[in-house]
């Protein structure tokens, strides 16, 4: 085996790293606030109604 082939074989054995470990001093990512879907739908309906996109029957 040539010197080049040995180096290639050694690199193939190494584990592929796709990133780095996060720093232990970094805080965990915060979670998003819970959303009230009912209130979101009501406000969307009111905005569409005021814009004239929805007509009263």
PDB file of N, CA and C in Angstrom:
ATOM      1  N   UNK A   1       0.856  -1.183   0.000  1.00  0.00           N
ATOM      2  CA  UNK A   1       0.000   0.000   0.000  1.00  0.00           C
ATOM      3  C   UNK A   1       0.897   1.239   0.000  1.00  0.00           C
ATOM      4  N   UNK A   2       0.577   2.173  -0.865  1.00  0.00           N
ATOM      5  CA  UNK A   2       1.381   3.394  -0.927  1.00  0.00           C
ATOM      6  C   UNK A   2       1.017   4.325   0.230  1.00  0.00           C
ATOM      7  N   UNK A   3       1.848   5.305   0.428  1.00  0.00           N
ATOM      8  CA  UNK A   3       1.631   6.287   1.498  1.00  0.00           C
ATOM      9  C   UNK A   3       0.312   7.030   1.280  1.00  0.00           C
ATOM     10  N   UNK A   4       0.023   7.341   0.019  1.00  0.00           N
ATOM     11  CA  UNK A   4      -1.225   8.041  -0.313  1.00  0.00           C
ATOM     12  C   UNK A   4      -2.436   7.179   0.026  1.00  0.00           C
ATOM     13  N   UNK A   5      -2.402   5.904  -0.325  1.00  0.00           N
ATOM     14  CA  UNK A   5      -3.520   4.997  -0.059  1.00  0.00           C
ATOM     15  C   UNK A   5      -3.740   4.821   1.444  1.00  0.00           C
ATOM     16  N   UNK A   6      -2.662   4.819   2.222  1.00  0.00           N
ATOM     17  CA  UNK A   6      -2.775   4.706   3.678  1.00  0.00           C
ATOM     18  C   UNK A   6      -3.496   5.927   4.250  1.00  0.00           C
ATOM     19  N   UNK A   7      -3.138   7.113   3.751  1.00  0.00           N
ATOM     20  CA  UNK A   7      -3.780   8.339   4.231  1.00  0.00           C
ATOM     21  C   UNK A   7      -5.262   8.364   3.870  1.00  0.00           C
ATOM     22  N   UNK A   8      -5.578   7.921   2.664  1.00  0.00           N
ATOM     23  CA  UNK A   8      -6.973   7.890   2.231  1.00  0.00           C
ATOM     24  C   UNK A   8      -7.763   6.909   3.093  1.00  0.00           C
ATOM     25  N   UNK A   9      -7.209   5.737   3.335  1.00  0.00           N
ATOM     26  CA  UNK A   9      -7.876   4.731   4.152  1.00  0.00           C
ATOM     27  C   UNK A   9      -8.086   5.244   5.576  1.00  0.00           C
ATOM     28  N   UNK A  10      -7.104   5.960   6.121  1.00  0.00           N
ATOM     29  CA  UNK A  10      -7.215   6.505   7.477  1.00  0.00           C
ATOM     30  C   UNK A  10      -8.326   7.556   7.555  1.00  0.00           C
ATOM     31  N   UNK A  11      -8.416   8.396   6.537  1.00  0.00           N
ATOM     32  CA  UNK A  11      -9.456   9.427   6.529  1.00  0.00           C
ATOM     33  C   UNK A  11     -10.848   8.827   6.358  1.00  0.00           C
ATOM     34  N   UNK A  12     -10.930   7.731   5.629  1.00  0.00           N
ATOM     35  CA  UNK A  12     -12.221   7.075   5.426  1.00  0.00           C
ATOM     36  C   UNK A  12     -12.713   6.457   6.734  1.00  0.00           C
ATOM     37  N   UNK A  13     -11.803   6.049   7.602  1.00  0.00           N
ATOM     38  CA  UNK A  13     -12.163   5.459   8.885  1.00  0.00           C
ATOM     39  C   UNK A  13     -12.647   6.509   9.881  1.00  0.00           C
ATOM     40  N   UNK A  14     -12.196   7.757   9.720  1.00  0.00           N
ATOM     41  CA  UNK A  14     -12.571   8.815  10.660  1.00  0.00           C
ATOM     42  C   UNK A  14     -14.054   9.108  10.553  1.00  0.00           C
ATOM     43  N   UNK A  15     -14.656   9.410  11.684  1.00  0.00           N
ATOM     44  CA  UNK A  15     -16.073   9.725  11.721  1.00  0.00           C
ATOM     45  C   UNK A  15     -16.302  11.106  11.116  1.00  0.00           C
ATOM     46  N   UNK A  16     -17.294  11.207  10.262  1.00  0.00           N
ATOM     47  CA  UNK A  16     -17.620  12.490   9.632  1.00  0.00           C
ATOM     48  C   UNK A  16     -18.367  13.373  10.631  1.00  0.00           C
ATOM     49  N   UNK A  17     -17.865  14.573  10.836  1.00  0.00           N
ATOM     50  CA  UNK A  17     -18.470  15.518  11.762  1.00  0.00           C
ATOM     51  C   UNK A  17     -19.215  16.566  10.954  1.00  0.00           C
ATOM     52  N   UNK A  18     -20.497  16.756  11.262  1.00  0.00           N
ATOM     53  CA  UNK A  18     -21.308  17.713  10.504  1.00  0.00           C
ATOM     54  C   UNK A  18     -21.564  18.993  11.285  1.00  0.00           C
ATOM     55  N   UNK A  19     -20.852  19.210  12.331  1.00  0.00           N
ATOM     56  CA  UNK A  19     -21.020  20.425  13.112  1.00  0.00           C
ATOM     57  C   UNK A  19     -20.164  20.350  14.362  1.00  0.00           C
ATOM     58  N   UNK A  20     -20.369  21.294  15.235  1.00  0.00           N
ATOM     59  CA  UNK A  20     -19.610  21.316  16.476  1.00  0.00           C
ATOM     60  C   UNK A  20     -20.570  21.215  17.649  1.00  0.00           C
ATOM     61  N   UNK A  21     -20.046  20.809  18.771  1.00  0.00           N
ATOM     62  CA  UNK A  21     -20.851  20.764  19.981  1.00  0.00           C
ATOM     63  C   UNK A  21     -21.130  22.187  20.453  1.00  0.00           C
ATOM     64  N   UNK A  22     -22.339  22.462  20.909  1.00  0.00           N
ATOM     65  CA  UNK A  22     -22.626  23.809  21.399  1.00  0.00           C
ATOM     66  C   UNK A  22     -21.854  24.095  22.684  1.00  0.00           C
ATOM     67  N   UNK A  23     -21.594  25.342  22.883  1.00  0.00           N
ATOM     68  CA  UNK A  23     -20.892  25.746  24.088  1.00  0.00           C
ATOM     69  C   UNK A  23     -21.772  25.461  25.305  1.00  0.00           C
ATOM     70  N   UNK A  24     -21.204  24.946  26.390  1.00  0.00           N
ATOM     71  CA  UNK A  24     -22.020  24.649  27.572  1.00  0.00           C
ATOM     72  C   UNK A  24     -22.587  25.899  28.236  1.00  0.00           C
ATOM     73  N   UNK A  25     -22.027  27.066  27.943  1.00  0.00           N
ATOM     74  CA  UNK A  25     -22.533  28.283  28.578  1.00  0.00           C
ATOM     75  C   UNK A  25     -23.711  28.891  27.816  1.00  0.00           C
ATOM     76  N   UNK A  26     -24.016  28.358  26.613  1.00  0.00           N
ATOM     77  CA  UNK A  26     -25.154  28.875  25.861  1.00  0.00           C
ATOM     78  C   UNK A  26     -26.455  28.366  26.462  1.00  0.00           C
ATOM     79  N   UNK A  27     -27.445  29.233  26.622  1.00  0.00           N
ATOM     80  CA  UNK A  27     -28.729  28.773  27.154  1.00  0.00           C
ATOM     81  C   UNK A  27     -29.493  27.993  26.085  1.00  0.00           C
ATOM     82  N   UNK A  28     -30.473  27.221  26.520  1.00  0.00           N
ATOM     83  CA  UNK A  28     -31.307  26.507  25.559  1.00  0.00           C
ATOM     84  C   UNK A  28     -32.205  27.493  24.832  1.00  0.00           C
ATOM     85  N   UNK A  29     -32.644  27.128  23.645  1.00  0.00           N
ATOM     86  CA  UNK A  29     -33.488  28.000  22.838  1.00  0.00           C
ATOM     87  C   UNK A  29     -34.855  28.129  23.488  1.00  0.00           C
ATOM     88  N   UNK A  30     -35.378  29.354  23.488  1.00  0.00           N
ATOM     89  CA  UNK A  30     -36.675  29.565  24.119  1.00  0.00           C
ATOM     90  C   UNK A  30     -37.791  29.073  23.211  1.00  0.00           C
ATOM     91  N   UNK A  31     -38.890  28.681  23.811  1.00  0.00           N
ATOM     92  CA  UNK A  31     -40.051  28.174  23.073  1.00  0.00           C
ATOM     93  C   UNK A  31     -40.946  29.349  22.694  1.00  0.00           C
ATOM     94  N   UNK A  32     -41.641  29.269  21.556  1.00  0.00           N
ATOM     95  CA  UNK A  32     -42.551  30.342  21.171  1.00  0.00           C
ATOM     96  C   UNK A  32     -43.763  30.395  22.095  1.00  0.00           C
ATOM     97  N   UNK A  33     -44.350  31.565  22.183  1.00  0.00           N
ATOM     98  CA  UNK A  33     -45.538  31.724  23.025  1.00  0.00           C
ATOM     99  C   UNK A  33     -46.708  30.944  22.441  1.00  0.00           C
ATOM    100  N   UNK A  34     -47.581  30.409  23.284  1.00  0.00           N
ATOM    101  CA  UNK A  34     -48.754  29.707  22.755  1.00  0.00           C
ATOM    102  C   UNK A  34     -49.694  30.692  22.064  1.00  0.00           C
ATOM    103  N   UNK A  35     -50.342  30.232  21.001  1.00  0.00           N
ATOM    104  CA  UNK A  35     -51.208  31.088  20.203  1.00  0.00           C
ATOM    105  C   UNK A  35     -52.652  30.664  20.408  1.00  0.00           C
ATOM    106  N   UNK A  36     -53.533  31.638  20.602  1.00  0.00           N
ATOM    107  CA  UNK A  36     -54.958  31.369  20.702  1.00  0.00           C
ATOM    108  C   UNK A  36     -55.531  31.443  19.292  1.00  0.00           C
ATOM    109  N   UNK A  37     -55.777  30.284  18.693  1.00  0.00           N
ATOM    110  CA  UNK A  37     -56.233  30.239  17.306  1.00  0.00           C
ATOM    111  C   UNK A  37     -57.611  30.866  17.123  1.00  0.00           C
ATOM    112  N   UNK A  38     -58.451  30.775  18.119  1.00  0.00           N
ATOM    113  CA  UNK A  38     -59.787  31.365  18.017  1.00  0.00           C
ATOM    114  C   UNK A  38     -59.684  32.887  17.897  1.00  0.00           C
ATOM    115  N   UNK A  39     -58.866  33.491  18.741  1.00  0.00           N
ATOM    116  CA  UNK A  39     -58.706  34.947  18.701  1.00  0.00           C
ATOM    117  C   UNK A  39     -58.029  35.386  17.401  1.00  0.00           C
ATOM    118  N   UNK A  40     -57.074  34.606  16.915  1.00  0.00           N
ATOM    119  CA  UNK A  40     -56.410  34.923  15.654  1.00  0.00           C
ATOM    120  C   UNK A  40     -57.413  34.913  14.510  1.00  0.00           C
ATOM    121  N   UNK A  41     -58.289  33.917  14.482  1.00  0.00           N
ATOM    122  CA  UNK A  41     -59.313  33.826  13.445  1.00  0.00           C
ATOM    123  C   UNK A  41     -60.298  34.977  13.509  1.00  0.00           C
ATOM    124  N   UNK A  42     -60.699  35.356  14.712  1.00  0.00           N
ATOM    125  CA  UNK A  42     -61.646  36.474  14.863  1.00  0.00           C
ATOM    126  C   UNK A  42     -61.030  37.787  14.370  1.00  0.00           C
ATOM    127  N   UNK A  43     -59.763  38.025  14.728  1.00  0.00           N
ATOM    128  CA  UNK A  43     -59.130  39.272  14.302  1.00  0.00           C
ATOM    129  C   UNK A  43     -58.921  39.284  12.781  1.00  0.00           C
ATOM    130  N   UNK A  44     -58.603  38.142  12.199  1.00  0.00           N
ATOM    131  CA  UNK A  44     -58.451  38.050  10.748  1.00  0.00           C
ATOM    132  C   UNK A  44     -59.785  38.325  10.058  1.00  0.00           C
ATOM    133  N   UNK A  45     -60.867  37.759  10.584  1.00  0.00           N
ATOM    134  CA  UNK A  45     -62.198  37.992  10.019  1.00  0.00           C
ATOM    135  C   UNK A  45     -62.561  39.472  10.092  1.00  0.00           C
ATOM    136  N   UNK A  46     -62.297  40.115  11.229  1.00  0.00           N
ATOM    137  CA  UNK A  46     -62.616  41.536  11.376  1.00  0.00           C
ATOM    138  C   UNK A  46     -61.812  42.393  10.396  1.00  0.00           C
ATOM    139  N   UNK A  47     -60.535  42.083  10.222  1.00  0.00           N
ATOM    140  CA  UNK A  47     -59.717  42.850   9.272  1.00  0.00           C
ATOM    141  C   UNK A  47     -60.216  42.685   7.843  1.00  0.00           C
ATOM    142  N   UNK A  48     -60.593  41.475   7.457  1.00  0.00           N
ATOM    143  CA  UNK A  48     -61.115  41.251   6.119  1.00  0.00           C
ATOM    144  C   UNK A  48     -62.458  41.944   5.924  1.00  0.00           C
ATOM    145  N   UNK A  49     -63.289  41.921   6.961  1.00  0.00           N
ATOM    146  CA  UNK A  49     -64.592  42.565   6.899  1.00  0.00           C
ATOM    147  C   UNK A  49     -64.430  44.095   6.760  1.00  0.00           C
ATOM    148  N   UNK A  50     -63.529  44.685   7.514  1.00  0.00           N
ATOM    149  CA  UNK A  50     -63.295  46.120   7.445  1.00  0.00           C
ATOM    150  C   UNK A  50     -62.684  46.543   6.107  1.00  0.00           C
ATOM    151  N   UNK A  51     -61.904  45.654   5.500  1.00  0.00           N
ATOM    152  CA  UNK A  51     -61.277  45.954   4.224  1.00  0.00           C
ATOM    153  C   UNK A  51     -62.257  45.792   3.056  1.00  0.00           C
ATOM    154  N   UNK A  52     -63.448  45.269   3.337  1.00  0.00           N
ATOM    155  CA  UNK A  52     -64.459  45.087   2.306  1.00  0.00           C
ATOM    156  C   UNK A  52     -64.311  43.794   1.526  1.00  0.00           C
ATOM    157  N   UNK A  53     -63.515  42.879   2.001  1.00  0.00           N
ATOM    158  CA  UNK A  53     -63.316  41.606   1.326  1.00  0.00           C
ATOM    159  C   UNK A  53     -64.444  40.623   1.651  1.00  0.00           C
ATOM    160  N   UNK A  54     -65.131  40.843   2.779  1.00  0.00           N
ATOM    161  CA  UNK A  54     -66.241  39.980   3.190  1.00  0.00           C
ATOM    162  C   UNK A  54     -67.480  40.867   3.320  1.00  0.00           C
ATOM    163  N   UNK A  55     -68.575  40.434   2.689  1.00  0.00           N
ATOM    164  CA  UNK A  55     -69.819  41.192   2.776  1.00  0.00           C
ATOM    165  C   UNK A  55     -70.784  40.508   3.713  1.00  0.00           C
ATOM    166  N   UNK A  56     -71.598  41.277   4.408  1.00  0.00           N
ATOM    167  CA  UNK A  56     -72.665  40.717   5.245  1.00  0.00           C
ATOM    168  C   UNK A  56     -73.812  40.307   4.356  1.00  0.00           C
ATOM    169  N   UNK A  57     -74.438  39.203   4.656  1.00  0.00           N
ATOM    170  CA  UNK A  57     -75.579  38.738   3.867  1.00  0.00           C
ATOM    171  C   UNK A  57     -76.868  39.001   4.587  1.00  0.00           C
TER     172      UNK A  57
END
